[in-house]
Amino acid sequence: MVRAVDRVYSALRDGILEGRYTAGTRLGEAELAEITGSSRTPVREALRQLEMEGLVEVLPHRGARVAEWTAEDLEEIYDLRTLLEGYAAARAASRIKAKDIDRMDELCGLMEEAAAAGPHQDLDRVAECNAEFHEIVRSAAASTRLVTMLNAVVQLPLVVRTFHRYSLDDLARSAAHHRDLVAALRIGDRAWAESVMRSHVLAAKSVLLRAAADTRETRKG
């Protein structure tokens, strides 16, 4: 049976990641308890978990709200991801199984198909496949500590819907990085895998910082 706190946590996390609770939204315990059909205790525990993941801010005497991110936050988070995911890729190169590389190769094709320009473009599908792609690498790294650290910084791309900010050139660059990473992992080249992953994350950082700058200019106008 699913614990009340786990049920509330999943409902709130999904709501944040899917955009139903936007940045800055107040998360009142009483209201959330009513919405989720639970008491305030599991709501409070769920909010603590989400605070640890960086998705929620709990402010003294002011309650909880969905976290907001500045350009400086984005830069710091992606710098951390560059280091951690690069290291994960290097570890994975000597540990990953052939069947997992084959699945990553399959995911490359699915992402390229979903990202293609036109009426059938599905960027949410790209994000879904991308999450599985990177999860395979993290799992293959076989480091519980590393995965724990990564989990603290991989939520943000989901919240800001990264792929919806990509141009066609950005999508093509991302796809090329994925293909290169598969090639590096297939031959077990640690240095190549780490280099590709670092380039991949840095490119994503550039896209988000550019989008953040555009948003600031729009607000000024």
C-alpha atoms as a PDB file:
ATOM      1  CA  MET A   1       0.000   0.000   0.000  1.00  0.00           C
ATOM      2  CA  VAL A   2       1.346   3.451  -0.939  1.00  0.00           C
ATOM      3  CA  ARG A   3       2.128   5.622   2.077  1.00  0.00           C
ATOM      4  CA  ALA A   4       0.231   8.907   2.336  1.00  0.00           C
ATOM      5  CA  VAL A   5       3.444  10.944   2.224  1.00  0.00           C
ATOM      6  CA  ASP A   6       4.613   9.147  -0.935  1.00  0.00           C
ATOM      7  CA  ARG A   7       1.255   9.756  -2.609  1.00  0.00           C
ATOM      8  CA  VAL A   8       1.290  13.448  -1.713  1.00  0.00           C
ATOM      9  CA  TYR A   9       4.948  13.787  -2.749  1.00  0.00           C
ATOM     10  CA  SER A  10       4.258  12.250  -6.169  1.00  0.00           C
ATOM     11  CA  ALA A  11       1.207  14.454  -6.732  1.00  0.00           C
ATOM     12  CA  LEU A  12       3.080  17.642  -5.842  1.00  0.00           C
ATOM     13  CA  ARG A  13       6.244  16.739  -7.745  1.00  0.00           C
ATOM     14  CA  ASP A  14       4.254  15.873 -10.876  1.00  0.00           C
ATOM     15  CA  GLY A  15       2.304  19.110 -10.538  1.00  0.00           C
ATOM     16  CA  ILE A  16       5.510  21.144 -10.391  1.00  0.00           C
ATOM     17  CA  LEU A  17       7.255  19.311 -13.232  1.00  0.00           C
ATOM     18  CA  GLU A  18       4.166  19.485 -15.445  1.00  0.00           C
ATOM     19  CA  GLY A  19       3.697  23.191 -14.811  1.00  0.00           C
ATOM     20  CA  ARG A  20       0.444  23.065 -12.836  1.00  0.00           C
ATOM     21  CA  TYR A  21       2.299  24.721  -9.951  1.00  0.00           C
ATOM     22  CA  THR A  22       4.455  27.457 -11.462  1.00  0.00           C
ATOM     23  CA  ALA A  23       7.491  29.183  -9.935  1.00  0.00           C
ATOM     24  CA  GLY A  24       6.515  31.283  -6.947  1.00  0.00           C
ATOM     25  CA  THR A  25       3.165  29.555  -6.367  1.00  0.00           C
ATOM     26  CA  ARG A  26       2.296  29.349  -2.680  1.00  0.00           C
ATOM     27  CA  LEU A  27       1.816  25.792  -1.400  1.00  0.00           C
ATOM     28  CA  GLY A  28      -0.462  25.988   1.622  1.00  0.00           C
ATOM     29  CA  GLU A  29      -0.544  22.881   3.785  1.00  0.00           C
ATOM     30  CA  ALA A  30      -4.286  23.044   4.450  1.00  0.00           C
ATOM     31  CA  GLU A  31      -5.177  23.504   0.789  1.00  0.00           C
ATOM     32  CA  LEU A  32      -2.825  20.731  -0.334  1.00  0.00           C
ATOM     33  CA  ALA A  33      -4.188  18.374   2.310  1.00  0.00           C
ATOM     34  CA  GLU A  34      -7.700  18.957   0.973  1.00  0.00           C
ATOM     35  CA  ILE A  35      -6.645  18.554  -2.673  1.00  0.00           C
ATOM     36  CA  THR A  36      -4.727  15.326  -2.016  1.00  0.00           C
ATOM     37  CA  GLY A  37      -7.254  13.902   0.452  1.00  0.00           C
ATOM     38  CA  SER A  38      -4.720  13.604   3.272  1.00  0.00           C
ATOM     39  CA  SER A  39      -3.838  15.222   6.578  1.00  0.00           C
ATOM     40  CA  ARG A  40      -1.338  18.051   6.973  1.00  0.00           C
ATOM     41  CA  THR A  41       1.399  15.783   8.360  1.00  0.00           C
ATOM     42  CA  PRO A  42       2.145  13.908   5.083  1.00  0.00           C
ATOM     43  CA  VAL A  43       1.863  17.210   3.204  1.00  0.00           C
ATOM     44  CA  ARG A  44       4.501  18.724   5.496  1.00  0.00           C
ATOM     45  CA  GLU A  45       6.803  15.719   5.020  1.00  0.00           C
ATOM     46  CA  ALA A  46       6.332  15.799   1.233  1.00  0.00           C
ATOM     47  CA  LEU A  47       7.205  19.504   1.152  1.00  0.00           C
ATOM     48  CA  ARG A  48      10.403  18.779   3.102  1.00  0.00           C
ATOM     49  CA  GLN A  49      11.409  16.148   0.528  1.00  0.00           C
ATOM     50  CA  LEU A  50      10.718  18.557  -2.331  1.00  0.00           C
ATOM     51  CA  GLU A  51      12.715  21.254  -0.553  1.00  0.00           C
ATOM     52  CA  MET A  52      15.704  18.888  -0.389  1.00  0.00           C
ATOM     53  CA  GLU A  53      15.392  18.353  -4.154  1.00  0.00           C
ATOM     54  CA  GLY A  54      15.346  22.095  -4.792  1.00  0.00           C
ATOM     55  CA  LEU A  55      11.809  22.163  -6.163  1.00  0.00           C
ATOM     56  CA  VAL A  56      10.241  23.925  -3.169  1.00  0.00           C
ATOM     57  CA  GLU A  57      11.323  26.747  -0.864  1.00  0.00           C
ATOM     58  CA  VAL A  58      10.091  26.701   2.739  1.00  0.00           C
ATOM     59  CA  LEU A  59      10.281  30.195   4.184  1.00  0.00           C
ATOM     60  CA  PRO A  60      10.158  30.914   7.948  1.00  0.00           C
ATOM     61  CA  HIS A  61       6.717  32.136   9.002  1.00  0.00           C
ATOM     62  CA  ARG A  62       5.644  32.377   5.342  1.00  0.00           C
ATOM     63  CA  GLY A  63       5.083  28.762   4.372  1.00  0.00           C
ATOM     64  CA  ALA A  64       6.167  26.944   1.228  1.00  0.00           C
ATOM     65  CA  ARG A  65       6.227  27.968  -2.415  1.00  0.00           C
ATOM     66  CA  VAL A  66       7.481  26.544  -5.694  1.00  0.00           C
ATOM     67  CA  ALA A  67      11.140  27.505  -6.086  1.00  0.00           C
ATOM     68  CA  GLU A  68      12.157  30.258  -8.494  1.00  0.00           C
ATOM     69  CA  TRP A  69      15.456  30.184 -10.392  1.00  0.00           C
ATOM     70  CA  THR A  70      17.659  33.043 -11.491  1.00  0.00           C
ATOM     71  CA  ALA A  71      20.219  33.023 -14.290  1.00  0.00           C
ATOM     72  CA  GLU A  72      22.878  32.600 -11.596  1.00  0.00           C
ATOM     73  CA  ASP A  73      21.067  29.504 -10.301  1.00  0.00           C
ATOM     74  CA  LEU A  74      20.957  28.072 -13.809  1.00  0.00           C
ATOM     75  CA  GLU A  75      24.657  28.680 -14.314  1.00  0.00           C
ATOM     76  CA  GLU A  76      25.625  27.057 -11.023  1.00  0.00           C
ATOM     77  CA  ILE A  77      23.379  24.032 -11.539  1.00  0.00           C
ATOM     78  CA  TYR A  78      24.667  23.389 -15.044  1.00  0.00           C
ATOM     79  CA  ASP A  79      28.291  23.802 -13.955  1.00  0.00           C
ATOM     80  CA  LEU A  80      27.645  21.083 -11.363  1.00  0.00           C
ATOM     81  CA  ARG A  81      25.928  18.903 -13.949  1.00  0.00           C
ATOM     82  CA  THR A  82      28.906  19.312 -16.290  1.00  0.00           C
ATOM     83  CA  LEU A  83      31.255  17.903 -13.672  1.00  0.00           C
ATOM     84  CA  LEU A  84      28.969  15.176 -12.340  1.00  0.00           C
ATOM     85  CA  GLU A  85      27.501  13.928 -15.608  1.00  0.00           C
ATOM     86  CA  GLY A  86      30.895  14.002 -17.296  1.00  0.00           C
ATOM     87  CA  TYR A  87      32.264  11.818 -14.522  1.00  0.00           C
ATOM     88  CA  ALA A  88      29.225   9.528 -14.748  1.00  0.00           C
ATOM     89  CA  ALA A  89      29.810   9.055 -18.477  1.00  0.00           C
ATOM     90  CA  ALA A  90      33.473   8.224 -17.892  1.00  0.00           C
ATOM     91  CA  ARG A  91      32.562   5.599 -15.276  1.00  0.00           C
ATOM     92  CA  ALA A  92      29.821   4.193 -17.496  1.00  0.00           C
ATOM     93  CA  ALA A  93      32.247   3.672 -20.388  1.00  0.00           C
ATOM     94  CA  SER A  94      33.931   0.774 -18.599  1.00  0.00           C
ATOM     95  CA  ARG A  95      30.785  -0.661 -17.029  1.00  0.00           C
ATOM     96  CA  ILE A  96      27.808  -0.298 -19.354  1.00  0.00           C
ATOM     97  CA  LYS A  97      26.243  -3.409 -20.910  1.00  0.00           C
ATOM     98  CA  ALA A  98      25.793  -3.861 -24.653  1.00  0.00           C
ATOM     99  CA  LYS A  99      22.015  -4.111 -24.322  1.00  0.00           C
ATOM    100  CA  ASP A 100      21.925  -0.719 -22.611  1.00  0.00           C
ATOM    101  CA  ILE A 101      24.003   0.846 -25.379  1.00  0.00           C
ATOM    102  CA  ASP A 102      21.600  -0.663 -27.915  1.00  0.00           C
ATOM    103  CA  ARG A 103      18.683   0.926 -26.039  1.00  0.00           C
ATOM    104  CA  MET A 104      20.462   4.292 -26.042  1.00  0.00           C
ATOM    105  CA  ASP A 105      20.963   3.948 -29.792  1.00  0.00           C
ATOM    106  CA  GLU A 106      17.244   3.235 -30.173  1.00  0.00           C
ATOM    107  CA  LEU A 107      16.402   6.266 -28.059  1.00  0.00           C
ATOM    108  CA  CYS A 108      18.570   8.425 -30.332  1.00  0.00           C
ATOM    109  CA  GLY A 109      16.345   7.487 -33.256  1.00  0.00           C
ATOM    110  CA  LEU A 110      13.162   8.117 -31.282  1.00  0.00           C
ATOM    111  CA  MET A 111      14.386  11.556 -30.194  1.00  0.00           C
ATOM    112  CA  GLU A 112      15.418  12.533 -33.704  1.00  0.00           C
ATOM    113  CA  GLU A 113      12.030  11.491 -35.040  1.00  0.00           C
ATOM    114  CA  ALA A 114      10.138  13.396 -32.334  1.00  0.00           C
ATOM    115  CA  ALA A 115      12.328  16.518 -32.749  1.00  0.00           C
ATOM    116  CA  ALA A 116      11.905  16.758 -36.533  1.00  0.00           C
ATOM    117  CA  ALA A 117      10.313  20.019 -37.661  1.00  0.00           C
ATOM    118  CA  GLY A 118       6.694  19.802 -38.711  1.00  0.00           C
ATOM    119  CA  PRO A 119       3.190  19.239 -37.390  1.00  0.00           C
ATOM    120  CA  HIS A 120       4.169  15.994 -35.656  1.00  0.00           C
ATOM    121  CA  GLN A 121       7.044  17.455 -33.667  1.00  0.00           C
ATOM    122  CA  ASP A 122       6.697  16.269 -30.048  1.00  0.00           C
ATOM    123  CA  LEU A 123       9.180  17.958 -27.700  1.00  0.00           C
ATOM    124  CA  ASP A 124       7.632  16.364 -24.627  1.00  0.00           C
ATOM    125  CA  ARG A 125       8.422  12.993 -26.198  1.00  0.00           C
ATOM    126  CA  VAL A 126      11.994  14.187 -26.789  1.00  0.00           C
ATOM    127  CA  ALA A 127      12.262  15.088 -23.100  1.00  0.00           C
ATOM    128  CA  GLU A 128      10.859  11.711 -22.051  1.00  0.00           C
ATOM    129  CA  CYS A 129      13.352   9.775 -24.180  1.00  0.00           C
ATOM    130  CA  ASN A 130      16.188  12.081 -23.140  1.00  0.00           C
ATOM    131  CA  ALA A 131      15.458  11.388 -19.470  1.00  0.00           C
ATOM    132  CA  GLU A 132      15.661   7.637 -20.097  1.00  0.00           C
ATOM    133  CA  PHE A 133      18.867   8.087 -22.140  1.00  0.00           C
ATOM    134  CA  HIS A 134      20.619   9.922 -19.314  1.00  0.00           C
ATOM    135  CA  GLU A 135      19.229   7.592 -16.671  1.00  0.00           C
ATOM    136  CA  ILE A 136      20.905   4.661 -18.449  1.00  0.00           C
ATOM    137  CA  VAL A 137      24.249   6.458 -18.216  1.00  0.00           C
ATOM    138  CA  ARG A 138      23.777   7.291 -14.536  1.00  0.00           C
ATOM    139  CA  SER A 139      22.772   3.721 -13.715  1.00  0.00           C
ATOM    140  CA  ALA A 140      25.722   2.314 -15.644  1.00  0.00           C
ATOM    141  CA  ALA A 141      28.082   4.542 -13.652  1.00  0.00           C
ATOM    142  CA  ALA A 142      27.281   2.254 -10.691  1.00  0.00           C
ATOM    143  CA  SER A 143      27.796   4.867  -7.979  1.00  0.00           C
ATOM    144  CA  THR A 144      25.048   5.459  -5.440  1.00  0.00           C
ATOM    145  CA  ARG A 145      26.742   8.610  -4.146  1.00  0.00           C
ATOM    146  CA  LEU A 146      27.061  10.042  -7.639  1.00  0.00           C
ATOM    147  CA  VAL A 147      23.417   9.326  -8.479  1.00  0.00           C
ATOM    148  CA  THR A 148      22.315  10.980  -5.229  1.00  0.00           C
ATOM    149  CA  MET A 149      24.274  14.122  -6.084  1.00  0.00           C
ATOM    150  CA  LEU A 150      22.963  14.154  -9.649  1.00  0.00           C
ATOM    151  CA  ASN A 151      19.373  13.778  -8.521  1.00  0.00           C
ATOM    152  CA  ALA A 152      19.735  17.081  -6.702  1.00  0.00           C
ATOM    153  CA  VAL A 153      20.525  18.955  -9.940  1.00  0.00           C
ATOM    154  CA  VAL A 154      18.615  17.168 -12.706  1.00  0.00           C
ATOM    155  CA  GLN A 155      15.132  18.362 -11.691  1.00  0.00           C
ATOM    156  CA  LEU A 156      15.535  21.874 -13.056  1.00  0.00           C
ATOM    157  CA  PRO A 157      15.646  20.951 -16.767  1.00  0.00           C
ATOM    158  CA  LEU A 158      12.301  19.195 -16.298  1.00  0.00           C
ATOM    159  CA  VAL A 159      10.726  22.204 -14.603  1.00  0.00           C
ATOM    160  CA  VAL A 160      11.854  24.736 -17.193  1.00  0.00           C
ATOM    161  CA  ARG A 161      10.890  22.420 -20.068  1.00  0.00           C
ATOM    162  CA  THR A 162      14.341  22.692 -21.621  1.00  0.00           C
ATOM    163  CA  PHE A 163      13.558  21.291 -25.065  1.00  0.00           C
ATOM    164  CA  HIS A 164      10.781  23.821 -25.631  1.00  0.00           C
ATOM    165  CA  ARG A 165      13.512  26.471 -25.610  1.00  0.00           C
ATOM    166  CA  TYR A 166      15.647  24.738 -28.258  1.00  0.00           C
ATOM    167  CA  SER A 167      15.923  25.951 -31.838  1.00  0.00           C
ATOM    168  CA  LEU A 168      16.175  23.394 -34.636  1.00  0.00           C
ATOM    169  CA  ASP A 169      19.953  23.902 -34.616  1.00  0.00           C
ATOM    170  CA  ASP A 170      20.032  23.287 -30.859  1.00  0.00           C
ATOM    171  CA  LEU A 171      18.022  20.083 -31.301  1.00  0.00           C
ATOM    172  CA  ALA A 172      20.360  18.898 -34.054  1.00  0.00           C
ATOM    173  CA  ARG A 173      23.414  19.604 -31.878  1.00  0.00           C
ATOM    174  CA  SER A 174      21.865  17.693 -28.973  1.00  0.00           C
ATOM    175  CA  ALA A 175      21.124  14.733 -31.252  1.00  0.00           C
ATOM    176  CA  ALA A 176      24.720  14.728 -32.521  1.00  0.00           C
ATOM    177  CA  HIS A 177      26.020  14.676 -28.949  1.00  0.00           C
ATOM    178  CA  HIS A 178      23.786  11.707 -28.158  1.00  0.00           C
ATOM    179  CA  ARG A 179      25.102   9.791 -31.163  1.00  0.00           C
ATOM    180  CA  ASP A 180      28.714  10.597 -30.231  1.00  0.00           C
ATOM    181  CA  LEU A 181      28.149   9.448 -26.667  1.00  0.00           C
ATOM    182  CA  VAL A 182      26.740   6.135 -27.854  1.00  0.00           C
ATOM    183  CA  ALA A 183      29.792   5.674 -30.070  1.00  0.00           C
ATOM    184  CA  ALA A 184      32.177   6.470 -27.208  1.00  0.00           C
ATOM    185  CA  LEU A 185      30.424   4.083 -24.837  1.00  0.00           C
ATOM    186  CA  ARG A 186      30.344   1.322 -27.427  1.00  0.00           C
ATOM    187  CA  ILE A 187      34.138   1.274 -27.638  1.00  0.00           C
ATOM    188  CA  GLY A 188      34.578   1.953 -23.915  1.00  0.00           C
ATOM    189  CA  ASP A 189      36.507   5.212 -24.335  1.00  0.00           C
ATOM    190  CA  ARG A 190      36.291   6.996 -20.965  1.00  0.00           C
ATOM    191  CA  ALA A 191      37.914  10.249 -22.071  1.00  0.00           C
ATOM    192  CA  TRP A 192      35.749  10.575 -25.186  1.00  0.00           C
ATOM    193  CA  ALA A 193      32.557   9.777 -23.267  1.00  0.00           C
ATOM    194  CA  GLU A 194      33.364  12.369 -20.594  1.00  0.00           C
ATOM    195  CA  SER A 195      34.252  15.015 -23.169  1.00  0.00           C
ATOM    196  CA  VAL A 196      31.052  14.499 -25.147  1.00  0.00           C
ATOM    197  CA  MET A 197      28.870  14.585 -22.050  1.00  0.00           C
ATOM    198  CA  ARG A 198      30.511  17.767 -20.792  1.00  0.00           C
ATOM    199  CA  SER A 199      29.995  19.426 -24.187  1.00  0.00           C
ATOM    200  CA  HIS A 200      26.383  18.235 -24.210  1.00  0.00           C
ATOM    201  CA  VAL A 201      25.578  19.745 -20.805  1.00  0.00           C
ATOM    202  CA  LEU A 202      27.433  22.983 -21.568  1.00  0.00           C
ATOM    203  CA  ALA A 203      25.410  23.378 -24.772  1.00  0.00           C
ATOM    204  CA  ALA A 204      22.180  22.948 -22.782  1.00  0.00           C
ATOM    205  CA  LYS A 205      23.432  25.550 -20.296  1.00  0.00           C
ATOM    206  CA  SER A 206      24.012  28.009 -23.137  1.00  0.00           C
ATOM    207  CA  VAL A 207      20.463  27.531 -24.431  1.00  0.00           C
ATOM    208  CA  LEU A 208      18.878  28.141 -21.031  1.00  0.00           C
ATOM    209  CA  LEU A 209      21.011  31.180 -20.226  1.00  0.00           C
ATOM    210  CA  ARG A 210      20.129  32.649 -23.619  1.00  0.00           C
ATOM    211  CA  ALA A 211      16.443  32.012 -22.959  1.00  0.00           C
ATOM    212  CA  ALA A 212      16.717  33.580 -19.493  1.00  0.00           C
ATOM    213  CA  ALA A 213      18.364  36.682 -20.971  1.00  0.00           C
ATOM    214  CA  ASP A 214      15.612  36.960 -23.607  1.00  0.00           C
ATOM    215  CA  THR A 215      12.975  36.695 -20.880  1.00  0.00           C
ATOM    216  CA  ARG A 216      14.584  39.506 -18.891  1.00  0.00           C
ATOM    217  CA  GLU A 217      14.724  41.735 -21.962  1.00  0.00           C
ATOM    218  CA  THR A 218      11.065  41.022 -22.711  1.00  0.00           C
ATOM    219  CA  ARG A 219      10.065  41.999 -19.174  1.00  0.00           C
ATOM    220  CA  LYS A 220      12.057  45.227 -19.419  1.00  0.00           C
ATOM    221  CA  GLY A 221      10.310  46.067 -22.683  1.00  0.00           C
END
